[in-house]
Amino acid sequence: MSKRTKFFTISNLSDKEGEIKVYGEITKWAWQEYGETNALLFNEELKQLKDVEKIKLRINSPGGSVFEAQTMYNSLKQFAKDNEITVESFIEGVAASAATFLALAGDTVKMGEGCLFM
């Protein structure tokens, strides 16, 4: 049996810093074995970040469902506000279509050389 993966990971990097990696298509109908997920799964894992002051949001996504991305954006913004967390967005490849919503959840947005924001 192959290991199931999803397009995002949420983890604590240290006592004060968390990281969210969004690497894949955002969809309402999640086929986790193909690297997809939805806002519900994202929100469940977001709540696991404890006692962080900063979240690094790293994105390489072609986009997907605008409604799911908007929900994820609002959840991240509210979580950051409620917990007084700074969010730094980094576009590491592409942030296209609905993935641009997530990038804009950051207090700052940075892009690597040759990356796309569209």
N, C-alpha and C. Protein backbone atom coordinates (compact mmCIF):
# COMPACT_ATOMS: atom_id res chain seq x y z
N MET A 1 0.84 -1.18 0.00
CA MET A 1 0.00 0.00 0.00
C MET A 1 0.89 1.25 0.00
N SER A 2 0.60 2.21 -0.87
CA SER A 2 1.41 3.43 -0.94
C SER A 2 1.01 4.39 0.17
N LYS A 3 1.97 5.20 0.57
CA LYS A 3 1.75 6.20 1.60
C LYS A 3 0.89 7.33 1.04
N ARG A 4 -0.14 7.71 1.77
CA ARG A 4 -0.96 8.83 1.34
C ARG A 4 -0.27 10.13 1.68
N THR A 5 -0.36 11.07 0.76
CA THR A 5 0.21 12.39 1.00
C THR A 5 -0.87 13.43 0.79
N LYS A 6 -0.60 14.62 1.23
CA LYS A 6 -1.51 15.73 0.98
C LYS A 6 -0.70 16.91 0.50
N PHE A 7 -1.36 17.93 0.00
CA PHE A 7 -0.61 19.02 -0.61
C PHE A 7 -0.14 20.06 0.39
N PHE A 8 -0.47 19.92 1.64
CA PHE A 8 0.03 20.87 2.62
C PHE A 8 0.56 20.13 3.84
N THR A 9 1.47 20.80 4.55
CA THR A 9 1.92 20.32 5.86
C THR A 9 1.89 21.51 6.80
N ILE A 10 1.55 21.24 8.04
CA ILE A 10 1.55 22.27 9.08
C ILE A 10 2.34 21.70 10.24
N SER A 11 3.37 22.43 10.67
CA SER A 11 4.21 21.91 11.74
C SER A 11 4.86 23.04 12.52
N ASN A 12 5.27 22.72 13.74
CA ASN A 12 6.06 23.64 14.55
C ASN A 12 7.53 23.46 14.17
N LEU A 13 8.20 24.55 13.80
CA LEU A 13 9.63 24.50 13.51
C LEU A 13 10.44 24.65 14.78
N SER A 14 9.91 25.43 15.72
CA SER A 14 10.56 25.66 17.00
C SER A 14 9.47 26.02 18.00
N ASP A 15 9.86 26.41 19.19
CA ASP A 15 8.88 26.79 20.20
C ASP A 15 8.06 28.00 19.79
N LYS A 16 8.61 28.88 18.98
CA LYS A 16 7.95 30.13 18.64
C LYS A 16 7.60 30.28 17.16
N GLU A 17 7.95 29.29 16.34
CA GLU A 17 7.74 29.44 14.90
C GLU A 17 7.09 28.20 14.30
N GLY A 18 6.04 28.45 13.49
CA GLY A 18 5.37 27.38 12.78
C GLY A 18 5.56 27.54 11.29
N GLU A 19 5.25 26.48 10.56
CA GLU A 19 5.40 26.50 9.11
C GLU A 19 4.21 25.80 8.46
N ILE A 20 3.73 26.41 7.40
CA ILE A 20 2.69 25.80 6.56
C ILE A 20 3.27 25.74 5.15
N LYS A 21 3.31 24.55 4.57
CA LYS A 21 3.74 24.38 3.18
C LYS A 21 2.51 24.00 2.38
N VAL A 22 2.23 24.76 1.33
CA VAL A 22 1.10 24.50 0.44
C VAL A 22 1.70 24.19 -0.93
N TYR A 23 1.74 22.91 -1.25
CA TYR A 23 2.37 22.44 -2.49
C TYR A 23 1.40 21.53 -3.25
N GLY A 24 0.43 22.10 -3.92
CA GLY A 24 -0.50 21.28 -4.70
C GLY A 24 -1.80 22.00 -4.96
N GLU A 25 -2.74 21.28 -5.56
CA GLU A 25 -4.02 21.86 -5.95
C GLU A 25 -5.00 21.88 -4.79
N ILE A 26 -5.71 22.99 -4.67
CA ILE A 26 -6.72 23.18 -3.62
C ILE A 26 -8.06 22.74 -4.20
N THR A 27 -8.74 21.82 -3.52
CA THR A 27 -10.00 21.31 -4.03
C THR A 27 -10.97 21.00 -2.90
N LYS A 28 -12.24 21.08 -3.17
CA LYS A 28 -13.24 20.72 -2.16
C LYS A 28 -13.33 19.20 -2.00
N TRP A 29 -13.19 18.49 -3.09
CA TRP A 29 -13.30 17.04 -3.05
C TRP A 29 -11.90 16.46 -2.98
N ALA A 30 -11.44 16.26 -1.77
CA ALA A 30 -10.04 15.89 -1.55
C ALA A 30 -9.78 14.43 -1.89
N TRP A 31 -8.82 14.24 -2.76
CA TRP A 31 -8.27 12.92 -3.06
C TRP A 31 -6.87 12.92 -2.47
N GLN A 32 -6.79 12.63 -1.19
CA GLN A 32 -5.53 12.76 -0.47
C GLN A 32 -4.40 11.95 -1.10
N GLU A 33 -4.71 10.82 -1.68
CA GLU A 33 -3.65 10.01 -2.27
C GLU A 33 -2.99 10.68 -3.47
N TYR A 34 -3.66 11.71 -4.01
CA TYR A 34 -3.08 12.46 -5.12
C TYR A 34 -2.56 13.83 -4.68
N GLY A 35 -2.45 14.03 -3.37
CA GLY A 35 -1.89 15.27 -2.87
C GLY A 35 -2.87 16.41 -2.76
N GLU A 36 -4.15 16.13 -2.72
CA GLU A 36 -5.14 17.18 -2.61
C GLU A 36 -5.76 17.19 -1.21
N THR A 37 -6.32 18.30 -0.85
CA THR A 37 -7.00 18.42 0.43
C THR A 37 -8.08 19.48 0.33
N ASN A 38 -8.70 19.82 1.44
CA ASN A 38 -9.70 20.87 1.42
C ASN A 38 -9.57 21.72 2.68
N ALA A 39 -10.40 22.74 2.78
CA ALA A 39 -10.32 23.69 3.90
C ALA A 39 -10.59 23.02 5.24
N LEU A 40 -11.45 22.05 5.28
CA LEU A 40 -11.75 21.37 6.55
C LEU A 40 -10.50 20.69 7.11
N LEU A 41 -9.80 19.95 6.28
CA LEU A 41 -8.57 19.28 6.73
C LEU A 41 -7.50 20.30 7.11
N PHE A 42 -7.40 21.38 6.35
CA PHE A 42 -6.45 22.45 6.64
C PHE A 42 -6.73 23.04 8.02
N ASN A 43 -7.98 23.36 8.28
CA ASN A 43 -8.36 23.97 9.56
C ASN A 43 -8.11 23.05 10.75
N GLU A 44 -8.35 21.77 10.57
CA GLU A 44 -8.10 20.82 11.66
C GLU A 44 -6.63 20.82 12.05
N GLU A 45 -5.75 20.83 11.06
CA GLU A 45 -4.32 20.82 11.35
C GLU A 45 -3.80 22.17 11.81
N LEU A 46 -4.39 23.26 11.33
CA LEU A 46 -3.97 24.60 11.75
C LEU A 46 -4.09 24.75 13.26
N LYS A 47 -5.12 24.20 13.83
CA LYS A 47 -5.35 24.29 15.27
C LYS A 47 -4.27 23.60 16.09
N GLN A 48 -3.46 22.78 15.45
CA GLN A 48 -2.40 22.06 16.16
C GLN A 48 -1.17 22.92 16.42
N LEU A 49 -1.07 24.08 15.74
CA LEU A 49 0.06 24.97 16.00
C LEU A 49 -0.15 25.61 17.38
N LYS A 50 0.78 25.42 18.25
CA LYS A 50 0.65 25.91 19.63
C LYS A 50 1.75 26.90 19.96
N ASP A 51 1.39 27.98 20.60
CA ASP A 51 2.33 28.95 21.19
C ASP A 51 3.36 29.49 20.20
N VAL A 52 2.97 29.71 18.96
CA VAL A 52 3.90 30.29 18.00
C VAL A 52 3.66 31.79 17.87
N GLU A 53 4.71 32.52 17.54
CA GLU A 53 4.62 33.96 17.33
C GLU A 53 4.65 34.30 15.85
N LYS A 54 5.15 33.34 15.05
CA LYS A 54 5.29 33.57 13.62
C LYS A 54 4.97 32.28 12.87
N ILE A 55 4.31 32.44 11.72
CA ILE A 55 4.06 31.32 10.82
C ILE A 55 4.69 31.67 9.47
N LYS A 56 5.50 30.75 8.94
CA LYS A 56 6.03 30.88 7.60
C LYS A 56 5.12 30.08 6.67
N LEU A 57 4.45 30.77 5.76
CA LEU A 57 3.55 30.15 4.79
C LEU A 57 4.30 30.04 3.47
N ARG A 58 4.63 28.80 3.07
CA ARG A 58 5.40 28.55 1.85
C ARG A 58 4.46 27.97 0.79
N ILE A 59 4.46 28.57 -0.41
CA ILE A 59 3.47 28.21 -1.42
C ILE A 59 4.13 27.84 -2.75
N ASN A 60 3.65 26.73 -3.32
CA ASN A 60 3.93 26.33 -4.69
C ASN A 60 2.68 25.59 -5.16
N SER A 61 1.71 26.36 -5.65
CA SER A 61 0.40 25.79 -5.98
C SER A 61 -0.18 26.43 -7.24
N PRO A 62 -0.79 25.59 -8.11
CA PRO A 62 -1.44 26.14 -9.29
C PRO A 62 -2.82 26.72 -8.99
N GLY A 63 -3.27 26.60 -7.73
CA GLY A 63 -4.58 27.13 -7.37
C GLY A 63 -5.58 26.01 -7.20
N GLY A 64 -6.80 26.28 -7.63
CA GLY A 64 -7.87 25.30 -7.48
C GLY A 64 -9.17 26.00 -7.13
N SER A 65 -9.88 25.46 -6.16
CA SER A 65 -11.18 26.00 -5.77
C SER A 65 -11.03 27.35 -5.07
N VAL A 66 -11.62 28.37 -5.66
CA VAL A 66 -11.59 29.71 -5.07
C VAL A 66 -12.27 29.70 -3.71
N PHE A 67 -13.38 28.99 -3.57
CA PHE A 67 -14.13 28.99 -2.32
C PHE A 67 -13.37 28.29 -1.20
N GLU A 68 -12.69 27.21 -1.51
CA GLU A 68 -11.88 26.52 -0.51
C GLU A 68 -10.69 27.38 -0.10
N ALA A 69 -10.04 28.00 -1.07
CA ALA A 69 -8.89 28.86 -0.77
C ALA A 69 -9.31 30.06 0.07
N GLN A 70 -10.46 30.63 -0.24
CA GLN A 70 -10.95 31.78 0.53
C GLN A 70 -11.25 31.37 1.97
N THR A 71 -11.78 30.18 2.15
CA THR A 71 -12.03 29.66 3.50
C THR A 71 -10.72 29.46 4.25
N MET A 72 -9.73 28.91 3.59
CA MET A 72 -8.43 28.70 4.20
C MET A 72 -7.78 30.03 4.56
N TYR A 73 -7.89 31.01 3.67
CA TYR A 73 -7.38 32.35 3.92
C TYR A 73 -8.00 32.93 5.19
N ASN A 74 -9.33 32.92 5.25
CA ASN A 74 -10.03 33.50 6.40
C ASN A 74 -9.70 32.77 7.69
N SER A 75 -9.58 31.46 7.63
CA SER A 75 -9.22 30.68 8.82
C SER A 75 -7.83 31.05 9.31
N LEU A 76 -6.88 31.17 8.39
CA LEU A 76 -5.51 31.52 8.77
C LEU A 76 -5.46 32.93 9.33
N LYS A 77 -6.14 33.88 8.69
CA LYS A 77 -6.15 35.26 9.18
C LYS A 77 -6.76 35.34 10.59
N GLN A 78 -7.86 34.64 10.80
CA GLN A 78 -8.52 34.67 12.12
C GLN A 78 -7.66 34.00 13.18
N PHE A 79 -7.06 32.86 12.83
CA PHE A 79 -6.18 32.15 13.75
C PHE A 79 -5.00 33.05 14.15
N ALA A 80 -4.41 33.74 13.18
CA ALA A 80 -3.28 34.63 13.45
C ALA A 80 -3.72 35.79 14.33
N LYS A 81 -4.87 36.36 14.04
CA LYS A 81 -5.36 37.48 14.84
C LYS A 81 -5.66 37.05 16.27
N ASP A 82 -6.36 35.94 16.43
CA ASP A 82 -6.74 35.45 17.76
C ASP A 82 -5.53 35.12 18.63
N ASN A 83 -4.45 34.69 18.00
CA ASN A 83 -3.27 34.24 18.72
C ASN A 83 -2.08 35.19 18.61
N GLU A 84 -2.33 36.39 18.04
CA GLU A 84 -1.29 37.41 17.87
C GLU A 84 -0.05 36.85 17.18
N ILE A 85 -0.29 36.26 16.02
CA ILE A 85 0.77 35.62 15.23
C ILE A 85 1.02 36.43 13.96
N THR A 86 2.27 36.60 13.61
CA THR A 86 2.67 37.22 12.35
C THR A 86 2.80 36.12 11.30
N VAL A 87 2.25 36.37 10.12
CA VAL A 87 2.33 35.41 9.01
C VAL A 87 3.21 36.00 7.92
N GLU A 88 4.23 35.24 7.51
CA GLU A 88 5.10 35.62 6.39
C GLU A 88 4.86 34.65 5.25
N SER A 89 4.42 35.17 4.11
CA SER A 89 4.19 34.31 2.94
C SER A 89 5.43 34.31 2.05
N PHE A 90 5.78 33.13 1.57
CA PHE A 90 6.90 32.95 0.64
C PHE A 90 6.40 32.17 -0.56
N ILE A 91 6.49 32.75 -1.74
CA ILE A 91 6.13 32.03 -2.96
C ILE A 91 7.42 31.37 -3.44
N GLU A 92 7.42 30.05 -3.43
CA GLU A 92 8.63 29.30 -3.74
C GLU A 92 8.65 28.73 -5.14
N GLY A 93 7.55 28.85 -5.85
CA GLY A 93 7.45 28.35 -7.22
C GLY A 93 6.39 29.17 -7.93
N VAL A 94 5.13 28.78 -7.71
CA VAL A 94 4.02 29.50 -8.31
C VAL A 94 2.90 29.64 -7.28
N ALA A 95 2.25 30.77 -7.30
CA ALA A 95 0.99 30.97 -6.58
C ALA A 95 0.04 31.51 -7.64
N ALA A 96 -0.77 30.62 -8.18
CA ALA A 96 -1.66 31.00 -9.27
C ALA A 96 -3.11 30.83 -8.82
N SER A 97 -3.97 31.55 -9.49
CA SER A 97 -5.40 31.41 -9.30
C SER A 97 -5.76 31.49 -7.82
N ALA A 98 -6.44 30.49 -7.31
CA ALA A 98 -6.92 30.50 -5.93
C ALA A 98 -5.79 30.51 -4.90
N ALA A 99 -4.61 30.05 -5.26
CA ALA A 99 -3.48 30.05 -4.32
C ALA A 99 -3.03 31.47 -3.98
N THR A 100 -3.39 32.45 -4.83
CA THR A 100 -3.02 33.83 -4.52
C THR A 100 -3.75 34.31 -3.26
N PHE A 101 -4.96 33.79 -3.01
CA PHE A 101 -5.67 34.15 -1.77
C PHE A 101 -4.83 33.79 -0.56
N LEU A 102 -4.28 32.60 -0.56
CA LEU A 102 -3.48 32.17 0.58
C LEU A 102 -2.25 33.04 0.76
N ALA A 103 -1.58 33.37 -0.33
CA ALA A 103 -0.39 34.21 -0.23
C ALA A 103 -0.73 35.54 0.44
N LEU A 104 -1.88 36.08 0.14
CA LEU A 104 -2.28 37.38 0.68
C LEU A 104 -2.70 37.30 2.15
N ALA A 105 -2.72 36.12 2.72
CA ALA A 105 -2.98 35.97 4.15
C ALA A 105 -1.78 36.42 4.97
N GLY A 106 -0.63 36.55 4.33
CA GLY A 106 0.58 36.96 5.02
C GLY A 106 0.61 38.45 5.29
N ASP A 107 1.26 38.81 6.39
CA ASP A 107 1.50 40.22 6.68
C ASP A 107 2.53 40.77 5.70
N THR A 108 3.42 39.89 5.23
CA THR A 108 4.37 40.21 4.17
C THR A 108 4.32 39.07 3.16
N VAL A 109 4.63 39.39 1.90
CA VAL A 109 4.68 38.38 0.84
C VAL A 109 6.01 38.54 0.11
N LYS A 110 6.77 37.45 0.04
CA LYS A 110 8.05 37.47 -0.66
C LYS A 110 8.04 36.40 -1.73
N MET A 111 8.83 36.63 -2.79
CA MET A 111 8.92 35.67 -3.88
C MET A 111 10.37 35.38 -4.19
N GLY A 112 10.63 34.13 -4.53
CA GLY A 112 11.96 33.76 -4.98
C GLY A 112 12.15 34.21 -6.42
N GLU A 113 13.40 34.26 -6.84
CA GLU A 113 13.72 34.65 -8.20
C GLU A 113 13.12 33.64 -9.19
N GLY A 114 12.46 34.15 -10.21
CA GLY A 114 11.86 33.30 -11.23
C GLY A 114 10.50 32.73 -10.84
N CYS A 115 9.98 33.08 -9.69
CA CYS A 115 8.67 32.58 -9.24
C CYS A 115 7.54 33.37 -9.87
N LEU A 116 6.35 32.80 -9.86
CA LEU A 116 5.18 33.45 -10.47
C LEU A 116 4.08 33.67 -9.45
N PHE A 117 3.46 34.83 -9.54
CA PHE A 117 2.26 35.17 -8.76
C PHE A 117 1.25 35.65 -9.78
N MET A 118 0.19 34.85 -9.99
CA MET A 118 -0.77 35.22 -11.02
C MET A 118 -2.18 34.84 -10.65
